Structure formats: C-alpha cells, structure tokens
C-alpha cells in the first residue's frame, strides 16, 4: 500500500515492502533498506538507513507525529492512499471552513508568543516558541490567515494537544 508523508510543505510518496527479510522503504522512487528499534523505557528510537544510524525522539499527536533529533524538530503527517485522496478532494473544493486550531505537539512551556490577535500570517510564519526537554521549538503557521485568538501567554505550561491559538483561513 502507498503512504504519503508531509513534512512542512514537502510531500513524499512512500511504499513499504520486504526484500530477503529486510524492510525496504521506497520514497519518491528511491529505495532504502531500513531497520527501526525502540530504545526501552523512552520515547527514543534508532533508525538504520542503508547502514547509517540516526537517533530521534517520537511524539505522537492527534494530527501528526513529531520527530526531534540532531537535525531539529519535524512535524510529519502520514496518510494512506484513501485518506490522501479524500484530503485532496476537500482541498480542491476550497478546504474546510472555520478557524484552524494550533495545538501543542508536546508538553512544555510557552517561552515567547510572536503574534497578536488580529495579526495576518503567511504559511510558515513563526507563531510562538515552545520549550520542551530543554529544546526551544518554533511553532509555525500551517497556512495563511489571521490570528483569531490566543489561548496562551509566555510562561504558560501546556499539555500535549492543548490549543495554543486559532487562525482564520485567508
């Protein structure tokens, strides 16, 4: 089965299959032999890709998976073929109406709010700084719009999934 992974504004078509007992991931036509192992009693994993090792922490949210490691923090949305096709139809029809909620991807402390209610934002615009596990993560807008409401202020402790702010679509 095909899967689609969105990282920021980039989308990748992926398939998984086995070859001689090894897991092979094909991403946009390129094949990689992979091995994934969970590090006991943690949210960390090691990923071996064509002989190179990577370590990262994984945080599952309602809408996506957050991967953090040496290369930074990545918000990854993975969809199967059917979900991907349905989302494409909704987007072609103008997308869902109403405000979009921006939620905390992990528990942490709001260090800085970079926008105010009523501010116009573009896709990728920094909205706030969320500190988690001594790392400061910049939370960005997933699309253009106007900040409808802020639900946090600097110094606030937030839980994973907590609504941080709302954006009215442009």
C-alpha atoms as a PDB file:
ATOM      1  CA  UNK A   1       0.000   0.000   0.000  1.00  0.00           C
ATOM      2  CA  UNK A   2       1.122   3.546  -0.667  1.00  0.00           C
ATOM      3  CA  UNK A   3       1.534   6.149   2.012  1.00  0.00           C
ATOM      4  CA  UNK A   4       2.059   9.875   1.761  1.00  0.00           C
ATOM      5  CA  UNK A   5       4.216  11.761   4.257  1.00  0.00           C
ATOM      6  CA  UNK A   6       4.068  15.555   4.584  1.00  0.00           C
ATOM      7  CA  UNK A   7       6.983  17.309   6.269  1.00  0.00           C
ATOM      8  CA  UNK A   8       6.391  21.049   6.275  1.00  0.00           C
ATOM      9  CA  UNK A   9       5.360  21.966   2.737  1.00  0.00           C
ATOM     10  CA  UNK A  10       7.019  18.906   1.125  1.00  0.00           C
ATOM     11  CA  UNK A  11       5.145  15.693   0.377  1.00  0.00           C
ATOM     12  CA  UNK A  12       6.670  12.283  -0.254  1.00  0.00           C
ATOM     13  CA  UNK A  13       5.081   9.180  -1.782  1.00  0.00           C
ATOM     14  CA  UNK A  14       6.185   6.076   0.149  1.00  0.00           C
ATOM     15  CA  UNK A  15       5.753   2.312  -0.116  1.00  0.00           C
ATOM     16  CA  UNK A  16       6.957  -0.416   2.223  1.00  0.00           C
ATOM     17  CA  UNK A  17       7.938  -3.928   1.208  1.00  0.00           C
ATOM     18  CA  UNK A  18      10.170  -6.783   2.302  1.00  0.00           C
ATOM     19  CA  UNK A  19      13.216  -7.954   0.340  1.00  0.00           C
ATOM     20  CA  UNK A  20      15.082 -11.069   1.559  1.00  0.00           C
ATOM     21  CA  UNK A  21      13.877 -10.494   5.137  1.00  0.00           C
ATOM     22  CA  UNK A  22      14.825  -6.796   5.168  1.00  0.00           C
ATOM     23  CA  UNK A  23      12.370  -3.908   5.293  1.00  0.00           C
ATOM     24  CA  UNK A  24      12.674  -1.647   2.250  1.00  0.00           C
ATOM     25  CA  UNK A  25      11.120   1.809   2.087  1.00  0.00           C
ATOM     26  CA  UNK A  26      10.665   3.403  -1.308  1.00  0.00           C
ATOM     27  CA  UNK A  27      10.392   7.198  -1.168  1.00  0.00           C
ATOM     28  CA  UNK A  28       9.632   9.031  -4.405  1.00  0.00           C
ATOM     29  CA  UNK A  29      11.158   6.173  -6.403  1.00  0.00           C
ATOM     30  CA  UNK A  30      14.340   5.739  -4.297  1.00  0.00           C
ATOM     31  CA  UNK A  31      14.740   2.576  -2.202  1.00  0.00           C
ATOM     32  CA  UNK A  32      16.261   2.461   1.283  1.00  0.00           C
ATOM     33  CA  UNK A  33      16.876  -0.606   3.448  1.00  0.00           C
ATOM     34  CA  UNK A  34      15.788   0.311   6.980  1.00  0.00           C
ATOM     35  CA  UNK A  35      15.700  -1.096  10.492  1.00  0.00           C
ATOM     36  CA  UNK A  36      13.875   0.640  13.348  1.00  0.00           C
ATOM     37  CA  UNK A  37      14.418  -0.119  17.045  1.00  0.00           C
ATOM     38  CA  UNK A  38      12.751   1.378  20.116  1.00  0.00           C
ATOM     39  CA  UNK A  39      15.060   2.364  22.993  1.00  0.00           C
ATOM     40  CA  UNK A  40      13.487   0.791  26.091  1.00  0.00           C
ATOM     41  CA  UNK A  41      11.645   2.992  28.605  1.00  0.00           C
ATOM     42  CA  UNK A  42      11.859   6.125  26.453  1.00  0.00           C
ATOM     43  CA  UNK A  43      10.273   7.895  23.502  1.00  0.00           C
ATOM     44  CA  UNK A  44      13.520   7.445  21.566  1.00  0.00           C
ATOM     45  CA  UNK A  45      14.255   5.241  18.573  1.00  0.00           C
ATOM     46  CA  UNK A  46      17.243   4.352  16.451  1.00  0.00           C
ATOM     47  CA  UNK A  47      16.802   4.148  12.708  1.00  0.00           C
ATOM     48  CA  UNK A  48      19.324   2.405  10.480  1.00  0.00           C
ATOM     49  CA  UNK A  49      19.052   3.607   6.855  1.00  0.00           C
ATOM     50  CA  UNK A  50      21.369   1.948   4.348  1.00  0.00           C
ATOM     51  CA  UNK A  51      23.922   1.379   7.107  1.00  0.00           C
ATOM     52  CA  UNK A  52      23.740   4.887   8.668  1.00  0.00           C
ATOM     53  CA  UNK A  53      22.337   5.236  12.179  1.00  0.00           C
ATOM     54  CA  UNK A  54      20.029   8.036  13.360  1.00  0.00           C
ATOM     55  CA  UNK A  55      18.556   8.581  16.813  1.00  0.00           C
ATOM     56  CA  UNK A  56      15.365  10.562  17.400  1.00  0.00           C
ATOM     57  CA  UNK A  57      12.508  11.037  19.845  1.00  0.00           C
ATOM     58  CA  UNK A  58       8.981  10.390  18.620  1.00  0.00           C
ATOM     59  CA  UNK A  59       5.889  12.158  19.964  1.00  0.00           C
ATOM     60  CA  UNK A  60       2.535  11.064  18.590  1.00  0.00           C
ATOM     61  CA  UNK A  61      -0.211  13.701  18.395  1.00  0.00           C
ATOM     62  CA  UNK A  62      -3.805  13.503  17.200  1.00  0.00           C
ATOM     63  CA  UNK A  63      -2.890  15.015  13.838  1.00  0.00           C
ATOM     64  CA  UNK A  64       0.743  14.057  13.225  1.00  0.00           C
ATOM     65  CA  UNK A  65       3.979  12.623  14.512  1.00  0.00           C
ATOM     66  CA  UNK A  66       6.699  14.887  15.878  1.00  0.00           C
ATOM     67  CA  UNK A  67      10.282  13.715  15.363  1.00  0.00           C
ATOM     68  CA  UNK A  68      13.091  15.504  17.176  1.00  0.00           C
ATOM     69  CA  UNK A  69      16.776  14.773  16.986  1.00  0.00           C
ATOM     70  CA  UNK A  70      20.089  16.182  15.859  1.00  0.00           C
ATOM     71  CA  UNK A  71      18.571  17.598  12.669  1.00  0.00           C
ATOM     72  CA  UNK A  72      15.813  19.510  14.529  1.00  0.00           C
ATOM     73  CA  UNK A  73      12.073  19.110  15.064  1.00  0.00           C
ATOM     74  CA  UNK A  74       9.896  17.741  12.263  1.00  0.00           C
ATOM     75  CA  UNK A  75       6.096  17.700  12.129  1.00  0.00           C
ATOM     76  CA  UNK A  76       5.194  14.681   9.949  1.00  0.00           C
ATOM     77  CA  UNK A  77       1.697  13.817   8.727  1.00  0.00           C
ATOM     78  CA  UNK A  78       1.358  10.297   7.294  1.00  0.00           C
ATOM     79  CA  UNK A  79      -1.723   9.265   5.298  1.00  0.00           C
ATOM     80  CA  UNK A  80      -2.718   6.112   3.472  1.00  0.00           C
ATOM     81  CA  UNK A  81      -3.900   6.335  -0.155  1.00  0.00           C
ATOM     82  CA  UNK A  82      -7.587   6.626   0.714  1.00  0.00           C
ATOM     83  CA  UNK A  83      -7.124   9.406   3.294  1.00  0.00           C
ATOM     84  CA  UNK A  84      -4.757  11.248   0.958  1.00  0.00           C
ATOM     85  CA  UNK A  85      -7.295  11.167  -1.884  1.00  0.00           C
ATOM     86  CA  UNK A  86     -10.074  12.400   0.433  1.00  0.00           C
ATOM     87  CA  UNK A  87      -7.929  15.288   1.681  1.00  0.00           C
ATOM     88  CA  UNK A  88      -7.063  16.250  -1.906  1.00  0.00           C
ATOM     89  CA  UNK A  89     -10.799  16.391  -2.772  1.00  0.00           C
ATOM     90  CA  UNK A  90     -11.530  18.624   0.228  1.00  0.00           C
ATOM     91  CA  UNK A  91      -8.632  20.937  -0.681  1.00  0.00           C
ATOM     92  CA  UNK A  92      -9.834  21.141  -4.307  1.00  0.00           C
ATOM     93  CA  UNK A  93     -13.288  22.135  -3.057  1.00  0.00           C
ATOM     94  CA  UNK A  94     -11.853  25.045  -1.085  1.00  0.00           C
ATOM     95  CA  UNK A  95     -10.890  23.260   2.137  1.00  0.00           C
ATOM     96  CA  UNK A  96     -12.734  23.132   5.422  1.00  0.00           C
ATOM     97  CA  UNK A  97     -14.383  26.337   6.632  1.00  0.00           C
ATOM     98  CA  UNK A  98     -13.771  27.911  10.010  1.00  0.00           C
ATOM     99  CA  UNK A  99     -10.722  28.585  12.151  1.00  0.00           C
ATOM    100  CA  UNK A 100      -7.746  26.214  12.352  1.00  0.00           C
ATOM    101  CA  UNK A 101      -6.514  25.344  15.817  1.00  0.00           C
ATOM    102  CA  UNK A 102      -2.797  25.264  16.507  1.00  0.00           C
ATOM    103  CA  UNK A 103      -2.155  22.751  19.285  1.00  0.00           C
ATOM    104  CA  UNK A 104       0.863  21.890  21.391  1.00  0.00           C
ATOM    105  CA  UNK A 105       2.722  18.976  19.844  1.00  0.00           C
ATOM    106  CA  UNK A 106       4.217  18.030  23.220  1.00  0.00           C
ATOM    107  CA  UNK A 107       4.031  19.202  26.817  1.00  0.00           C
ATOM    108  CA  UNK A 108       6.181  22.238  27.526  1.00  0.00           C
ATOM    109  CA  UNK A 109       6.451  25.883  28.482  1.00  0.00           C
ATOM    110  CA  UNK A 110       5.480  28.762  26.210  1.00  0.00           C
ATOM    111  CA  UNK A 111       8.623  30.904  26.174  1.00  0.00           C
ATOM    112  CA  UNK A 112       7.519  33.576  23.704  1.00  0.00           C
ATOM    113  CA  UNK A 113       4.371  34.486  21.763  1.00  0.00           C
ATOM    114  CA  UNK A 114       5.397  36.036  18.439  1.00  0.00           C
ATOM    115  CA  UNK A 115       1.962  37.139  17.145  1.00  0.00           C
ATOM    116  CA  UNK A 116      -1.063  39.009  18.441  1.00  0.00           C
ATOM    117  CA  UNK A 117      -4.779  38.520  17.860  1.00  0.00           C
ATOM    118  CA  UNK A 118      -5.694  40.120  14.541  1.00  0.00           C
ATOM    119  CA  UNK A 119      -2.235  39.633  13.014  1.00  0.00           C
ATOM    120  CA  UNK A 120      -2.066  38.394   9.425  1.00  0.00           C
ATOM    121  CA  UNK A 121       0.232  35.375   8.977  1.00  0.00           C
ATOM    122  CA  UNK A 122       1.575  33.502   5.971  1.00  0.00           C
ATOM    123  CA  UNK A 123       2.317  29.800   5.717  1.00  0.00           C
ATOM    124  CA  UNK A 124       5.461  29.056   7.722  1.00  0.00           C
ATOM    125  CA  UNK A 125       5.296  32.254   9.794  1.00  0.00           C
ATOM    126  CA  UNK A 126       6.620  31.771  13.351  1.00  0.00           C
ATOM    127  CA  UNK A 127       3.793  31.914  15.902  1.00  0.00           C
ATOM    128  CA  UNK A 128       5.382  31.068  19.244  1.00  0.00           C
ATOM    129  CA  UNK A 129       8.317  29.373  20.950  1.00  0.00           C
ATOM    130  CA  UNK A 130       7.517  26.211  22.931  1.00  0.00           C
ATOM    131  CA  UNK A 131      10.253  24.806  25.158  1.00  0.00           C
ATOM    132  CA  UNK A 132      10.212  21.059  25.722  1.00  0.00           C
ATOM    133  CA  UNK A 133      13.011  18.863  27.063  1.00  0.00           C
ATOM    134  CA  UNK A 134      15.341  21.921  27.192  1.00  0.00           C
ATOM    135  CA  UNK A 135      14.884  22.475  23.444  1.00  0.00           C
ATOM    136  CA  UNK A 136      13.159  25.566  22.093  1.00  0.00           C
ATOM    137  CA  UNK A 137      10.803  24.708  19.236  1.00  0.00           C
ATOM    138  CA  UNK A 138       9.393  27.343  16.904  1.00  0.00           C
ATOM    139  CA  UNK A 139       5.737  26.633  16.159  1.00  0.00           C
ATOM    140  CA  UNK A 140       4.807  27.883  12.675  1.00  0.00           C
ATOM    141  CA  UNK A 141       1.582  28.597  10.784  1.00  0.00           C
ATOM    142  CA  UNK A 142       0.431  25.730   8.567  1.00  0.00           C
ATOM    143  CA  UNK A 143      -1.207  28.142   6.146  1.00  0.00           C
ATOM    144  CA  UNK A 144      -2.122  31.782   5.589  1.00  0.00           C
ATOM    145  CA  UNK A 145      -4.731  33.556   7.664  1.00  0.00           C
ATOM    146  CA  UNK A 146      -5.451  35.917  10.542  1.00  0.00           C
ATOM    147  CA  UNK A 147      -4.834  35.092  14.192  1.00  0.00           C
ATOM    148  CA  UNK A 148      -8.321  34.861  15.676  1.00  0.00           C
ATOM    149  CA  UNK A 149      -7.440  34.177  19.315  1.00  0.00           C
ATOM    150  CA  UNK A 150      -4.501  33.401  21.573  1.00  0.00           C
ATOM    151  CA  UNK A 151      -5.093  30.832  24.306  1.00  0.00           C
ATOM    152  CA  UNK A 152      -1.669  31.035  25.991  1.00  0.00           C
ATOM    153  CA  UNK A 153       0.816  33.625  27.195  1.00  0.00           C
ATOM    154  CA  UNK A 154       4.565  33.492  27.882  1.00  0.00           C
ATOM    155  CA  UNK A 155       5.398  31.305  30.871  1.00  0.00           C
ATOM    156  CA  UNK A 156       2.298  29.128  30.499  1.00  0.00           C
ATOM    157  CA  UNK A 157       2.764  25.384  30.968  1.00  0.00           C
ATOM    158  CA  UNK A 158       0.871  23.443  28.293  1.00  0.00           C
ATOM    159  CA  UNK A 159      -0.070  19.806  27.820  1.00  0.00           C
ATOM    160  CA  UNK A 160       0.260  17.859  24.590  1.00  0.00           C
ATOM    161  CA  UNK A 161      -2.756  18.585  22.387  1.00  0.00           C
ATOM    162  CA  UNK A 162      -3.683  21.792  24.224  1.00  0.00           C
ATOM    163  CA  UNK A 163      -4.997  24.572  21.955  1.00  0.00           C
ATOM    164  CA  UNK A 164      -2.429  27.380  21.703  1.00  0.00           C
ATOM    165  CA  UNK A 165      -4.161  29.696  19.237  1.00  0.00           C
ATOM    166  CA  UNK A 166      -6.665  29.821  16.379  1.00  0.00           C
ATOM    167  CA  UNK A 167      -6.173  31.096  12.830  1.00  0.00           C
ATOM    168  CA  UNK A 168      -8.982  32.135  10.474  1.00  0.00           C
ATOM    169  CA  UNK A 169      -8.145  30.989   6.918  1.00  0.00           C
ATOM    170  CA  UNK A 170      -7.208  33.650   4.380  1.00  0.00           C
END
